[in-house]
Amino acid sequence: MQPITTIGAAKFKEQCLALLDNLDAQGLVITKHGRPVALLTPYPKEPGSLLGSLRDKIAVHGDILSTGLAWHADDQS
């Protein structure tokens, strides 16, 4: 696996359209003053559905419809 390509922001700005046309699957790290500020990755050809994508990845603890606080709306005090 080859290292991810890195490019300075000024050079990216100059060559943006050409870089987008030649973007590989790993993407491109954009830097400012030598520090990474963005990761540009290609959009998937066939994006997956978000519905059900977190199934078996999260757990619910307790009643999700409750705030956990007791309150009495009918109290006249």
PDB file of N, CA and C in Angstrom:
ATOM      1  N   MET A   1       0.851  -1.177   0.000  1.00  0.00           N
ATOM      2  CA  MET A   1       0.000   0.000   0.000  1.00  0.00           C
ATOM      3  C   MET A   1       0.893   1.235   0.000  1.00  0.00           C
ATOM      4  N   GLN A   2       0.654   2.101  -0.948  1.00  0.00           N
ATOM      5  CA  GLN A   2       1.482   3.305  -1.066  1.00  0.00           C
ATOM      6  C   GLN A   2       1.019   4.380  -0.091  1.00  0.00           C
ATOM      7  N   PRO A   3       1.933   5.246   0.353  1.00  0.00           N
ATOM      8  CA  PRO A   3       1.546   6.312   1.284  1.00  0.00           C
ATOM      9  C   PRO A   3       0.576   7.289   0.622  1.00  0.00           C
ATOM     10  N   ILE A   4      -0.266   7.883   1.443  1.00  0.00           N
ATOM     11  CA  ILE A   4      -1.257   8.829   0.934  1.00  0.00           C
ATOM     12  C   ILE A   4      -0.558  10.100   0.444  1.00  0.00           C
ATOM     13  N   THR A   5      -1.038  10.639  -0.646  1.00  0.00           N
ATOM     14  CA  THR A   5      -0.450  11.840  -1.238  1.00  0.00           C
ATOM     15  C   THR A   5      -0.805  13.061  -0.410  1.00  0.00           C
ATOM     16  N   THR A   6       0.181  13.935  -0.230  1.00  0.00           N
ATOM     17  CA  THR A   6       0.003  15.173   0.530  1.00  0.00           C
ATOM     18  C   THR A   6       0.304  16.349  -0.381  1.00  0.00           C
ATOM     19  N   ILE A   7      -0.476  17.430  -0.245  1.00  0.00           N
ATOM     20  CA  ILE A   7      -0.279  18.613  -1.073  1.00  0.00           C
ATOM     21  C   ILE A   7      -0.590  19.859  -0.247  1.00  0.00           C
ATOM     22  N   GLY A   8       0.162  20.913  -0.472  1.00  0.00           N
ATOM     23  CA  GLY A   8      -0.085  22.176   0.212  1.00  0.00           C
ATOM     24  C   GLY A   8      -1.355  22.831  -0.307  1.00  0.00           C
ATOM     25  N   ALA A   9      -1.992  23.624   0.536  1.00  0.00           N
ATOM     26  CA  ALA A   9      -3.266  24.257   0.176  1.00  0.00           C
ATOM     27  C   ALA A   9      -3.135  25.176  -1.032  1.00  0.00           C
ATOM     28  N   ALA A  10      -2.047  25.926  -1.125  1.00  0.00           N
ATOM     29  CA  ALA A  10      -1.866  26.848  -2.259  1.00  0.00           C
ATOM     30  C   ALA A  10      -1.758  26.070  -3.568  1.00  0.00           C
ATOM     31  N   LYS A  11      -0.972  24.992  -3.558  1.00  0.00           N
ATOM     32  CA  LYS A  11      -0.837  24.167  -4.763  1.00  0.00           C
ATOM     33  C   LYS A  11      -2.161  23.481  -5.094  1.00  0.00           C
ATOM     34  N   PHE A  12      -2.886  23.028  -4.057  1.00  0.00           N
ATOM     35  CA  PHE A  12      -4.198  22.424  -4.278  1.00  0.00           C
ATOM     36  C   PHE A  12      -5.135  23.420  -4.953  1.00  0.00           C
ATOM     37  N   LYS A  13      -5.116  24.664  -4.494  1.00  0.00           N
ATOM     38  CA  LYS A  13      -5.977  25.693  -5.068  1.00  0.00           C
ATOM     39  C   LYS A  13      -5.657  25.901  -6.552  1.00  0.00           C
ATOM     40  N   GLU A  14      -4.387  25.892  -6.902  1.00  0.00           N
ATOM     41  CA  GLU A  14      -3.974  26.073  -8.300  1.00  0.00           C
ATOM     42  C   GLU A  14      -4.401  24.910  -9.184  1.00  0.00           C
ATOM     43  N   GLN A  15      -4.339  23.697  -8.640  1.00  0.00           N
ATOM     44  CA  GLN A  15      -4.523  22.493  -9.445  1.00  0.00           C
ATOM     45  C   GLN A  15      -5.783  21.707  -9.091  1.00  0.00           C
ATOM     46  N   CYS A  16      -6.724  22.346  -8.439  1.00  0.00           N
ATOM     47  CA  CYS A  16      -7.894  21.662  -7.886  1.00  0.00           C
ATOM     48  C   CYS A  16      -8.604  20.762  -8.899  1.00  0.00           C
ATOM     49  N   LEU A  17      -8.980  21.288 -10.034  1.00  0.00           N
ATOM     50  CA  LEU A  17      -9.758  20.492 -10.996  1.00  0.00           C
ATOM     51  C   LEU A  17      -8.979  19.296 -11.521  1.00  0.00           C
ATOM     52  N   ALA A  18      -7.707  19.473 -11.814  1.00  0.00           N
ATOM     53  CA  ALA A  18      -6.884  18.358 -12.289  1.00  0.00           C
ATOM     54  C   ALA A  18      -6.722  17.303 -11.194  1.00  0.00           C
ATOM     55  N   LEU A  19      -6.548  17.754  -9.947  1.00  0.00           N
ATOM     56  CA  LEU A  19      -6.414  16.809  -8.837  1.00  0.00           C
ATOM     57  C   LEU A  19      -7.695  16.019  -8.635  1.00  0.00           C
ATOM     58  N   LEU A  20      -8.848  16.658  -8.778  1.00  0.00           N
ATOM     59  CA  LEU A  20     -10.124  15.954  -8.648  1.00  0.00           C
ATOM     60  C   LEU A  20     -10.281  14.910  -9.743  1.00  0.00           C
ATOM     61  N   ASP A  21      -9.841  15.239 -10.950  1.00  0.00           N
ATOM     62  CA  ASP A  21      -9.950  14.286 -12.061  1.00  0.00           C
ATOM     63  C   ASP A  21      -9.080  13.054 -11.851  1.00  0.00           C
ATOM     64  N   ASN A  22      -7.967  13.205 -11.128  1.00  0.00           N
ATOM     65  CA  ASN A  22      -7.008  12.113 -10.959  1.00  0.00           C
ATOM     66  C   ASN A  22      -6.967  11.565  -9.529  1.00  0.00           C
ATOM     67  N   LEU A  23      -7.997  11.796  -8.754  1.00  0.00           N
ATOM     68  CA  LEU A  23      -8.036  11.370  -7.356  1.00  0.00           C
ATOM     69  C   LEU A  23      -8.113   9.856  -7.263  1.00  0.00           C
ATOM     70  N   ASP A  24      -7.183   9.263  -6.503  1.00  0.00           N
ATOM     71  CA  ASP A  24      -7.218   7.804  -6.347  1.00  0.00           C
ATOM     72  C   ASP A  24      -8.046   7.419  -5.121  1.00  0.00           C
ATOM     73  N   ALA A  25      -8.196   6.129  -4.895  1.00  0.00           N
ATOM     74  CA  ALA A  25      -9.074   5.634  -3.832  1.00  0.00           C
ATOM     75  C   ALA A  25      -8.623   6.055  -2.437  1.00  0.00           C
ATOM     76  N   GLN A  26      -7.324   6.267  -2.234  1.00  0.00           N
ATOM     77  CA  GLN A  26      -6.808   6.664  -0.921  1.00  0.00           C
ATOM     78  C   GLN A  26      -7.146   8.108  -0.584  1.00  0.00           C
ATOM     79  N   GLY A  27      -7.259   8.924  -1.593  1.00  0.00           N
ATOM     80  CA  GLY A  27      -7.556  10.324  -1.353  1.00  0.00           C
ATOM     81  C   GLY A  27      -6.306  11.182  -1.329  1.00  0.00           C
ATOM     82  N   LEU A  28      -6.441  12.352  -0.731  1.00  0.00           N
ATOM     83  CA  LEU A  28      -5.394  13.362  -0.757  1.00  0.00           C
ATOM     84  C   LEU A  28      -5.455  14.169   0.531  1.00  0.00           C
ATOM     85  N   VAL A  29      -4.310  14.330   1.196  1.00  0.00           N
ATOM     86  CA  VAL A  29      -4.244  15.151   2.400  1.00  0.00           C
ATOM     87  C   VAL A  29      -3.816  16.554   1.992  1.00  0.00           C
ATOM     88  N   ILE A  30      -4.591  17.557   2.408  1.00  0.00           N
ATOM     89  CA  ILE A  30      -4.279  18.949   2.105  1.00  0.00           C
ATOM     90  C   ILE A  30      -3.700  19.572   3.367  1.00  0.00           C
ATOM     91  N   THR A  31      -2.554  20.260   3.210  1.00  0.00           N
ATOM     92  CA  THR A  31      -1.870  20.831   4.369  1.00  0.00           C
ATOM     93  C   THR A  31      -1.783  22.351   4.256  1.00  0.00           C
ATOM     94  N   LYS A  32      -1.653  22.989   5.414  1.00  0.00           N
ATOM     95  CA  LYS A  32      -1.351  24.419   5.503  1.00  0.00           C
ATOM     96  C   LYS A  32      -0.188  24.540   6.468  1.00  0.00           C
ATOM     97  N   HIS A  33       0.864  25.163   6.025  1.00  0.00           N
ATOM     98  CA  HIS A  33       2.075  25.325   6.837  1.00  0.00           C
ATOM     99  C   HIS A  33       2.585  23.976   7.341  1.00  0.00           C
ATOM    100  N   GLY A  34       2.453  22.942   6.501  1.00  0.00           N
ATOM    101  CA  GLY A  34       2.951  21.613   6.828  1.00  0.00           C
ATOM    102  C   GLY A  34       2.066  20.785   7.741  1.00  0.00           C
ATOM    103  N   ARG A  35       0.932  21.338   8.143  1.00  0.00           N
ATOM    104  CA  ARG A  35       0.026  20.603   9.043  1.00  0.00           C
ATOM    105  C   ARG A  35      -1.218  20.172   8.275  1.00  0.00           C
ATOM    106  N   PRO A  36      -1.643  18.923   8.413  1.00  0.00           N
ATOM    107  CA  PRO A  36      -2.845  18.463   7.703  1.00  0.00           C
ATOM    108  C   PRO A  36      -4.089  19.205   8.173  1.00  0.00           C
ATOM    109  N   VAL A  37      -4.891  19.670   7.207  1.00  0.00           N
ATOM    110  CA  VAL A  37      -6.133  20.373   7.532  1.00  0.00           C
ATOM    111  C   VAL A  37      -7.361  19.713   6.914  1.00  0.00           C
ATOM    112  N   ALA A  38      -7.156  18.895   5.895  1.00  0.00           N
ATOM    113  CA  ALA A  38      -8.303  18.262   5.238  1.00  0.00           C
ATOM    114  C   ALA A  38      -7.877  16.962   4.573  1.00  0.00           C
ATOM    115  N   LEU A  39      -8.829  16.054   4.468  1.00  0.00           N
ATOM    116  CA  LEU A  39      -8.642  14.808   3.743  1.00  0.00           C
ATOM    117  C   LEU A  39      -9.697  14.771   2.647  1.00  0.00           C
ATOM    118  N   LEU A  40      -9.267  14.752   1.412  1.00  0.00           N
ATOM    119  CA  LEU A  40     -10.172  14.705   0.270  1.00  0.00           C
ATOM    120  C   LEU A  40     -10.224  13.267  -0.224  1.00  0.00           C
ATOM    121  N   THR A  41     -11.412  12.670  -0.190  1.00  0.00           N
ATOM    122  CA  THR A  41     -11.570  11.291  -0.646  1.00  0.00           C
ATOM    123  C   THR A  41     -12.641  11.242  -1.726  1.00  0.00           C
ATOM    124  N   PRO A  42     -12.534  10.290  -2.628  1.00  0.00           N
ATOM    125  CA  PRO A  42     -13.544  10.193  -3.679  1.00  0.00           C
ATOM    126  C   PRO A  42     -14.893   9.757  -3.125  1.00  0.00           C
ATOM    127  N   TYR A  43     -15.941  10.233  -3.731  1.00  0.00           N
ATOM    128  CA  TYR A  43     -17.295   9.834  -3.366  1.00  0.00           C
ATOM    129  C   TYR A  43     -17.504   8.408  -3.860  1.00  0.00           C
ATOM    130  N   PRO A  44     -18.111   7.544  -3.039  1.00  0.00           N
ATOM    131  CA  PRO A  44     -18.294   6.153  -3.477  1.00  0.00           C
ATOM    132  C   PRO A  44     -19.172   6.069  -4.728  1.00  0.00           C
ATOM    133  N   LYS A  45     -18.832   5.149  -5.605  1.00  0.00           N
ATOM    134  CA  LYS A  45     -19.601   4.993  -6.844  1.00  0.00           C
ATOM    135  C   LYS A  45     -21.051   4.631  -6.558  1.00  0.00           C
ATOM    136  N   GLU A  46     -21.264   3.761  -5.598  1.00  0.00           N
ATOM    137  CA  GLU A  46     -22.616   3.393  -5.190  1.00  0.00           C
ATOM    138  C   GLU A  46     -22.720   3.557  -3.682  1.00  0.00           C
ATOM    139  N   PRO A  47     -23.165   4.737  -3.231  1.00  0.00           N
ATOM    140  CA  PRO A  47     -23.235   4.946  -1.785  1.00  0.00           C
ATOM    141  C   PRO A  47     -24.221   3.984  -1.134  1.00  0.00           C
ATOM    142  N   GLY A  48     -23.856   3.485   0.029  1.00  0.00           N
ATOM    143  CA  GLY A  48     -24.728   2.585   0.764  1.00  0.00           C
ATOM    144  C   GLY A  48     -25.836   3.371   1.442  1.00  0.00           C
ATOM    145  N   SER A  49     -26.870   2.693   1.786  1.00  0.00           N
ATOM    146  CA  SER A  49     -27.980   3.314   2.485  1.00  0.00           C
ATOM    147  C   SER A  49     -27.600   3.544   3.938  1.00  0.00           C
ATOM    148  N   LEU A  50     -28.028   4.657   4.503  1.00  0.00           N
ATOM    149  CA  LEU A  50     -27.790   4.929   5.911  1.00  0.00           C
ATOM    150  C   LEU A  50     -28.763   4.171   6.802  1.00  0.00           C
ATOM    151  N   LEU A  51     -29.884   3.754   6.239  1.00  0.00           N
ATOM    152  CA  LEU A  51     -30.871   3.028   7.028  1.00  0.00           C
ATOM    153  C   LEU A  51     -30.288   1.702   7.494  1.00  0.00           C
ATOM    154  N   GLY A  52     -30.262   1.515   8.791  1.00  0.00           N
ATOM    155  CA  GLY A  52     -29.748   0.277   9.356  1.00  0.00           C
ATOM    156  C   GLY A  52     -28.242   0.191   9.420  1.00  0.00           C
ATOM    157  N   SER A  53     -27.534   1.249   9.059  1.00  0.00           N
ATOM    158  CA  SER A  53     -26.077   1.171   9.020  1.00  0.00           C
ATOM    159  C   SER A  53     -25.446   1.066  10.407  1.00  0.00           C
ATOM    160  N   LEU A  54     -26.164   1.454  11.453  1.00  0.00           N
ATOM    161  CA  LEU A  54     -25.625   1.354  12.812  1.00  0.00           C
ATOM    162  C   LEU A  54     -26.168   0.147  13.576  1.00  0.00           C
ATOM    163  N   ARG A  55     -26.902  -0.719  12.884  1.00  0.00           N
ATOM    164  CA  ARG A  55     -27.439  -1.910  13.525  1.00  0.00           C
ATOM    165  C   ARG A  55     -26.292  -2.714  14.128  1.00  0.00           C
ATOM    166  N   ASP A  56     -26.468  -3.149  15.353  1.00  0.00           N
ATOM    167  CA  ASP A  56     -25.476  -3.924  16.103  1.00  0.00           C
ATOM    168  C   ASP A  56     -24.220  -3.127  16.451  1.00  0.00           C
ATOM    169  N   LYS A  57     -24.255  -1.811  16.300  1.00  0.00           N
ATOM    170  CA  LYS A  57     -23.099  -0.984  16.635  1.00  0.00           C
ATOM    171  C   LYS A  57     -23.372  -0.059  17.818  1.00  0.00           C
ATOM    172  N   ILE A  58     -24.645   0.086  18.189  1.00  0.00           N
ATOM    173  CA  ILE A  58     -24.980   0.929  19.334  1.00  0.00           C
ATOM    174  C   ILE A  58     -25.863   0.136  20.294  1.00  0.00           C
ATOM    175  N   ALA A  59     -25.874   0.555  21.533  1.00  0.00           N
ATOM    176  CA  ALA A  59     -26.714  -0.091  22.537  1.00  0.00           C
ATOM    177  C   ALA A  59     -27.501   0.986  23.264  1.00  0.00           C
ATOM    178  N   VAL A  60     -28.765   0.727  23.515  1.00  0.00           N
ATOM    179  CA  VAL A  60     -29.627   1.663  24.238  1.00  0.00           C
ATOM    180  C   VAL A  60     -29.719   1.185  25.671  1.00  0.00           C
ATOM    181  N   HIS A  61     -29.455   2.096  26.608  1.00  0.00           N
ATOM    182  CA  HIS A  61     -29.535   1.788  28.029  1.00  0.00           C
ATOM    183  C   HIS A  61     -30.618   2.656  28.641  1.00  0.00           C
ATOM    184  N   GLY A  62     -31.636   2.061  29.201  1.00  0.00           N
ATOM    185  CA  GLY A  62     -32.704   2.808  29.840  1.00  0.00           C
ATOM    186  C   GLY A  62     -33.794   3.192  28.851  1.00  0.00           C
ATOM    187  N   ASP A  63     -34.676   4.062  29.321  1.00  0.00           N
ATOM    188  CA  ASP A  63     -35.823   4.510  28.540  1.00  0.00           C
ATOM    189  C   ASP A  63     -35.415   5.705  27.669  1.00  0.00           C
ATOM    190  N   ILE A  64     -35.408   5.544  26.359  1.00  0.00           N
ATOM    191  CA  ILE A  64     -34.959   6.632  25.487  1.00  0.00           C
ATOM    192  C   ILE A  64     -35.990   7.750  25.367  1.00  0.00           C
ATOM    193  N   LEU A  65     -37.203   7.528  25.860  1.00  0.00           N
ATOM    194  CA  LEU A  65     -38.234   8.556  25.799  1.00  0.00           C
ATOM    195  C   LEU A  65     -38.330   9.364  27.089  1.00  0.00           C
ATOM    196  N   SER A  66     -37.500   9.067  28.057  1.00  0.00           N
ATOM    197  CA  SER A  66     -37.547   9.747  29.345  1.00  0.00           C
ATOM    198  C   SER A  66     -36.331  10.653  29.509  1.00  0.00           C
ATOM    199  N   THR A  67     -36.528  11.784  30.185  1.00  0.00           N
ATOM    200  CA  THR A  67     -35.413  12.667  30.511  1.00  0.00           C
ATOM    201  C   THR A  67     -34.716  12.220  31.778  1.00  0.00           C
ATOM    202  N   GLY A  68     -35.358  11.327  32.510  1.00  0.00           N
ATOM    203  CA  GLY A  68     -34.805  10.882  33.771  1.00  0.00           C
ATOM    204  C   GLY A  68     -35.192  11.779  34.937  1.00  0.00           C
ATOM    205  N   LEU A  69     -35.938  12.848  34.663  1.00  0.00           N
ATOM    206  CA  LEU A  69     -36.374  13.772  35.703  1.00  0.00           C
ATOM    207  C   LEU A  69     -37.851  13.574  35.992  1.00  0.00           C
ATOM    208  N   ALA A  70     -38.216  13.676  37.270  1.00  0.00           N
ATOM    209  CA  ALA A  70     -39.617  13.582  37.651  1.00  0.00           C
ATOM    210  C   ALA A  70     -40.235  14.974  37.640  1.00  0.00           C
ATOM    211  N   TRP A  71     -41.428  15.115  37.079  1.00  0.00           N
ATOM    212  CA  TRP A  71     -42.117  16.402  37.090  1.00  0.00           C
ATOM    213  C   TRP A  71     -43.608  16.144  37.179  1.00  0.00           C
ATOM    214  N   HIS A  72     -44.303  17.110  37.739  1.00  0.00           N
ATOM    215  CA  HIS A  72     -45.732  16.958  37.983  1.00  0.00           C
ATOM    216  C   HIS A  72     -46.453  18.158  37.347  1.00  0.00           C
ATOM    217  N   ALA A  73     -47.035  17.951  36.210  1.00  0.00           N
ATOM    218  CA  ALA A  73     -47.692  19.036  35.471  1.00  0.00           C
ATOM    219  C   ALA A  73     -48.991  19.446  36.123  1.00  0.00           C
ATOM    220  N   ASP A  74     -49.606  18.569  36.915  1.00  0.00           N
ATOM    221  CA  ASP A  74     -50.912  18.869  37.500  1.00  0.00           C
ATOM    222  C   ASP A  74     -50.807  19.573  38.851  1.00  0.00           C
ATOM    223  N   ASP A  75     -49.601  19.738  39.392  1.00  0.00           N
ATOM    224  CA  ASP A  75     -49.436  20.400  40.691  1.00  0.00           C
ATOM    225  C   ASP A  75     -49.878  21.856  40.604  1.00  0.00           C
ATOM    226  N   GLN A  76     -50.654  22.297  41.541  1.00  0.00           N
ATOM    227  CA  GLN A  76     -51.155  23.679  41.583  1.00  0.00           C
ATOM    228  C   GLN A  76     -50.348  24.529  42.576  1.00  0.00           C
ATOM    229  N   SER A  77     -49.287  24.011  43.128  1.00  0.00           N
ATOM    230  CA  SER A  77     -48.534  24.742  44.153  1.00  0.00           C
ATOM    231  C   SER A  77     -47.574  25.738  43.590  1.00  0.00           C
TER     232      SER A  77
END
